[in-house]
N, C-alpha and C. Protein backbone atom coordinates (compact mmCIF):
# COMPACT_ATOMS: atom_id res chain seq x y z
N UNK A 1 177.69 98.56 47.71
CA UNK A 1 178.16 99.43 48.76
C UNK A 1 177.03 100.34 49.27
N UNK A 2 176.19 100.81 48.34
CA UNK A 2 175.08 101.68 48.72
C UNK A 2 174.11 100.93 49.64
N UNK A 3 173.82 99.69 49.28
CA UNK A 3 172.91 98.87 50.10
C UNK A 3 173.50 98.66 51.49
N UNK A 4 174.77 98.35 51.57
CA UNK A 4 175.43 98.12 52.85
C UNK A 4 175.42 99.39 53.72
N UNK A 5 175.71 100.52 53.12
CA UNK A 5 175.71 101.79 53.86
C UNK A 5 174.31 102.13 54.35
N UNK A 6 173.31 101.93 53.51
CA UNK A 6 171.93 102.20 53.92
C UNK A 6 171.53 101.30 55.07
N UNK A 7 171.94 100.03 55.02
CA UNK A 7 171.64 99.09 56.10
C UNK A 7 172.28 99.56 57.40
N UNK A 8 173.55 99.96 57.36
CA UNK A 8 174.23 100.42 58.57
C UNK A 8 173.57 101.67 59.15
N UNK A 9 173.13 102.57 58.29
CA UNK A 9 172.49 103.80 58.76
C UNK A 9 171.06 103.59 59.25
N UNK A 10 170.45 102.47 58.86
CA UNK A 10 169.06 102.23 59.22
C UNK A 10 168.87 101.80 60.66
N UNK A 11 169.90 101.21 61.24
CA UNK A 11 169.77 100.72 62.61
C UNK A 11 169.15 99.33 62.70
N UNK A 12 168.88 98.71 61.56
CA UNK A 12 168.33 97.35 61.57
C UNK A 12 169.40 96.38 62.05
N UNK A 13 168.97 95.38 62.81
CA UNK A 13 169.93 94.38 63.29
C UNK A 13 170.04 93.19 62.34
N UNK A 14 168.99 92.94 61.59
CA UNK A 14 169.00 91.84 60.63
C UNK A 14 169.72 92.31 59.36
N UNK A 15 170.62 91.48 58.81
CA UNK A 15 171.35 91.89 57.61
C UNK A 15 170.43 92.15 56.42
N UNK A 16 170.77 93.14 55.62
CA UNK A 16 170.04 93.47 54.40
C UNK A 16 171.01 93.35 53.23
N UNK A 17 170.60 92.59 52.22
CA UNK A 17 171.43 92.41 51.03
C UNK A 17 170.61 92.77 49.81
N UNK A 18 171.27 92.84 48.67
CA UNK A 18 170.53 93.09 47.42
C UNK A 18 169.54 91.95 47.16
N UNK A 19 169.90 90.74 47.56
CA UNK A 19 169.00 89.61 47.37
C UNK A 19 167.74 89.77 48.23
N UNK A 20 167.90 90.26 49.45
CA UNK A 20 166.71 90.47 50.30
C UNK A 20 165.82 91.57 49.71
N UNK A 21 166.43 92.55 49.03
CA UNK A 21 165.63 93.58 48.37
C UNK A 21 164.82 92.99 47.21
N UNK A 22 165.38 91.99 46.51
CA UNK A 22 164.63 91.30 45.46
C UNK A 22 163.41 90.59 46.04
N UNK A 23 163.61 89.95 47.19
CA UNK A 23 162.49 89.28 47.86
C UNK A 23 161.40 90.30 48.22
N UNK A 24 161.81 91.42 48.78
CA UNK A 24 160.85 92.46 49.16
C UNK A 24 160.09 92.98 47.95
N UNK A 25 160.81 93.24 46.87
CA UNK A 25 160.20 93.74 45.65
C UNK A 25 159.13 92.76 45.16
N UNK A 26 159.49 91.49 45.08
CA UNK A 26 158.55 90.48 44.60
C UNK A 26 157.35 90.35 45.53
N UNK A 27 157.59 90.39 46.83
CA UNK A 27 156.50 90.27 47.79
C UNK A 27 155.55 91.46 47.70
N UNK A 28 156.09 92.66 47.56
CA UNK A 28 155.22 93.84 47.44
C UNK A 28 154.39 93.78 46.16
N UNK A 29 154.99 93.30 45.07
CA UNK A 29 154.22 93.14 43.84
C UNK A 29 153.06 92.17 44.05
N UNK A 30 153.33 91.06 44.72
CA UNK A 30 152.30 90.06 44.97
C UNK A 30 151.18 90.65 45.84
N UNK A 31 151.56 91.38 46.88
CA UNK A 31 150.57 91.97 47.78
C UNK A 31 149.72 93.02 47.09
N UNK A 32 150.25 93.65 46.06
CA UNK A 32 149.50 94.66 45.30
C UNK A 32 148.63 94.03 44.22
N UNK A 33 148.68 92.69 44.11
CA UNK A 33 147.80 92.00 43.18
C UNK A 33 148.43 91.63 41.85
N UNK A 34 149.72 91.80 41.71
CA UNK A 34 150.40 91.41 40.48
C UNK A 34 150.40 89.89 40.37
N UNK A 35 150.06 89.38 39.19
CA UNK A 35 150.01 87.92 39.05
C UNK A 35 151.41 87.32 39.01
N UNK A 36 151.51 86.04 39.37
CA UNK A 36 152.79 85.37 39.47
C UNK A 36 153.56 85.33 38.16
N UNK A 37 152.86 85.20 37.05
CA UNK A 37 153.53 85.16 35.75
C UNK A 37 154.27 86.47 35.48
N UNK A 38 153.65 87.59 35.79
CA UNK A 38 154.30 88.89 35.60
C UNK A 38 155.52 89.01 36.51
N UNK A 39 155.36 88.59 37.76
CA UNK A 39 156.48 88.63 38.70
C UNK A 39 157.61 87.73 38.21
N UNK A 40 157.26 86.56 37.68
CA UNK A 40 158.26 85.64 37.13
C UNK A 40 159.08 86.33 36.04
N UNK A 41 158.42 87.02 35.15
CA UNK A 41 159.12 87.71 34.06
C UNK A 41 159.99 88.84 34.58
N UNK A 42 159.47 89.60 35.54
CA UNK A 42 160.25 90.71 36.10
C UNK A 42 161.47 90.23 36.86
N UNK A 43 161.36 89.08 37.52
CA UNK A 43 162.46 88.55 38.30
C UNK A 43 163.46 87.79 37.43
N UNK A 44 163.05 87.46 36.21
CA UNK A 44 163.94 86.75 35.30
C UNK A 44 164.04 85.26 35.55
N UNK A 45 163.00 84.68 36.15
CA UNK A 45 163.00 83.24 36.41
C UNK A 45 162.49 82.48 35.19
N UNK A 46 163.11 81.35 34.92
CA UNK A 46 162.62 80.49 33.83
C UNK A 46 161.41 79.69 34.27
N UNK A 47 161.40 79.29 35.52
CA UNK A 47 160.35 78.41 36.02
C UNK A 47 159.42 79.16 36.98
N UNK A 48 158.12 78.95 36.81
CA UNK A 48 157.15 79.54 37.73
C UNK A 48 157.33 78.96 39.14
N UNK A 49 157.79 77.72 39.22
CA UNK A 49 158.03 77.09 40.52
C UNK A 49 159.11 77.86 41.30
N UNK A 50 160.10 78.36 40.60
CA UNK A 50 161.15 79.14 41.25
C UNK A 50 160.55 80.42 41.84
N UNK A 51 159.70 81.07 41.09
CA UNK A 51 159.06 82.29 41.57
C UNK A 51 158.18 81.99 42.77
N UNK A 52 157.47 80.88 42.73
CA UNK A 52 156.61 80.50 43.85
C UNK A 52 157.39 80.27 45.13
N UNK A 53 158.58 79.69 45.03
CA UNK A 53 159.42 79.47 46.21
C UNK A 53 160.02 80.78 46.71
N UNK A 54 160.24 81.67 45.80
CA UNK A 54 160.93 82.91 46.08
C UNK A 54 160.10 83.87 46.92
N UNK A 55 158.80 83.81 46.74
CA UNK A 55 157.93 84.80 47.36
C UNK A 55 157.44 84.37 48.73
N UNK A 56 157.33 85.33 49.58
CA UNK A 56 156.65 85.09 50.85
C UNK A 56 155.54 86.12 50.93
N UNK A 57 154.42 85.69 51.45
CA UNK A 57 153.25 86.56 51.49
C UNK A 57 153.01 87.01 52.92
N UNK A 58 152.74 88.28 53.09
CA UNK A 58 152.47 88.81 54.42
C UNK A 58 151.21 88.16 54.99
N UNK A 59 151.22 87.93 56.28
CA UNK A 59 150.08 87.30 56.95
C UNK A 59 148.80 88.10 56.74
N UNK A 60 148.92 89.43 56.73
CA UNK A 60 147.73 90.26 56.55
C UNK A 60 147.08 90.02 55.20
N UNK A 61 147.86 89.76 54.16
CA UNK A 61 147.30 89.49 52.84
C UNK A 61 146.57 88.16 52.83
N UNK A 62 147.12 87.18 53.49
CA UNK A 62 146.49 85.87 53.56
C UNK A 62 145.19 85.95 54.34
N UNK A 63 145.21 86.63 55.48
CA UNK A 63 144.03 86.73 56.33
C UNK A 63 142.91 87.55 55.70
N UNK A 64 143.25 88.48 54.82
CA UNK A 64 142.23 89.33 54.22
C UNK A 64 141.61 88.72 52.97
N UNK A 65 142.07 87.55 52.56
CA UNK A 65 141.53 86.89 51.38
C UNK A 65 140.19 86.27 51.71
N UNK A 66 139.18 86.60 50.92
CA UNK A 66 137.83 86.08 51.16
C UNK A 66 137.72 84.65 50.65
N UNK A 67 137.09 83.83 51.45
CA UNK A 67 136.81 82.45 51.04
C UNK A 67 135.59 82.45 50.12
N UNK A 68 135.61 81.63 49.07
CA UNK A 68 134.42 81.53 48.22
C UNK A 68 133.18 81.11 49.01
N UNK A 69 133.36 80.33 50.05
CA UNK A 69 132.23 79.92 50.88
C UNK A 69 131.65 81.11 51.64
N UNK A 70 132.51 82.01 52.09
CA UNK A 70 132.03 83.23 52.76
C UNK A 70 131.24 84.09 51.79
N UNK A 71 131.68 84.16 50.55
CA UNK A 71 130.97 84.95 49.55
C UNK A 71 129.59 84.38 49.26
N UNK A 72 129.47 83.05 49.27
CA UNK A 72 128.15 82.43 49.08
C UNK A 72 127.22 82.78 50.23
N UNK A 73 127.75 82.76 51.44
CA UNK A 73 126.93 83.09 52.62
C UNK A 73 126.47 84.54 52.54
N UNK A 74 127.34 85.42 52.11
CA UNK A 74 126.97 86.84 51.99
C UNK A 74 125.91 87.05 50.92
N UNK A 75 125.90 86.22 49.90
CA UNK A 75 124.93 86.34 48.81
C UNK A 75 123.60 85.69 49.16
N UNK A 76 123.49 85.09 50.33
CA UNK A 76 122.25 84.50 50.77
C UNK A 76 122.07 83.04 50.43
N UNK A 77 123.14 82.35 50.03
CA UNK A 77 123.07 80.94 49.70
C UNK A 77 123.47 80.10 50.92
N UNK A 78 122.70 80.19 51.98
CA UNK A 78 122.99 79.42 53.19
C UNK A 78 122.02 78.27 53.31
N UNK A 79 122.42 77.29 54.14
CA UNK A 79 121.53 76.14 54.38
C UNK A 79 120.28 76.57 55.10
């Protein structure tokens, strides 16, 4: 009931459920650098594959990830 009331008061048009809050929690943990195994334990999943399907990663986190090839170029290992 608390979640439903908060959703109504928020003005959001997309529905918010306790399950969507679980997704947000897991995603924020991932974005802060928490490893998948820890998130798996916190979410209570038996399978790491379940945790992997459960999470969605923000585009900004994906775009800010450095490529190992970029790191080599920065270190002066270019052709």
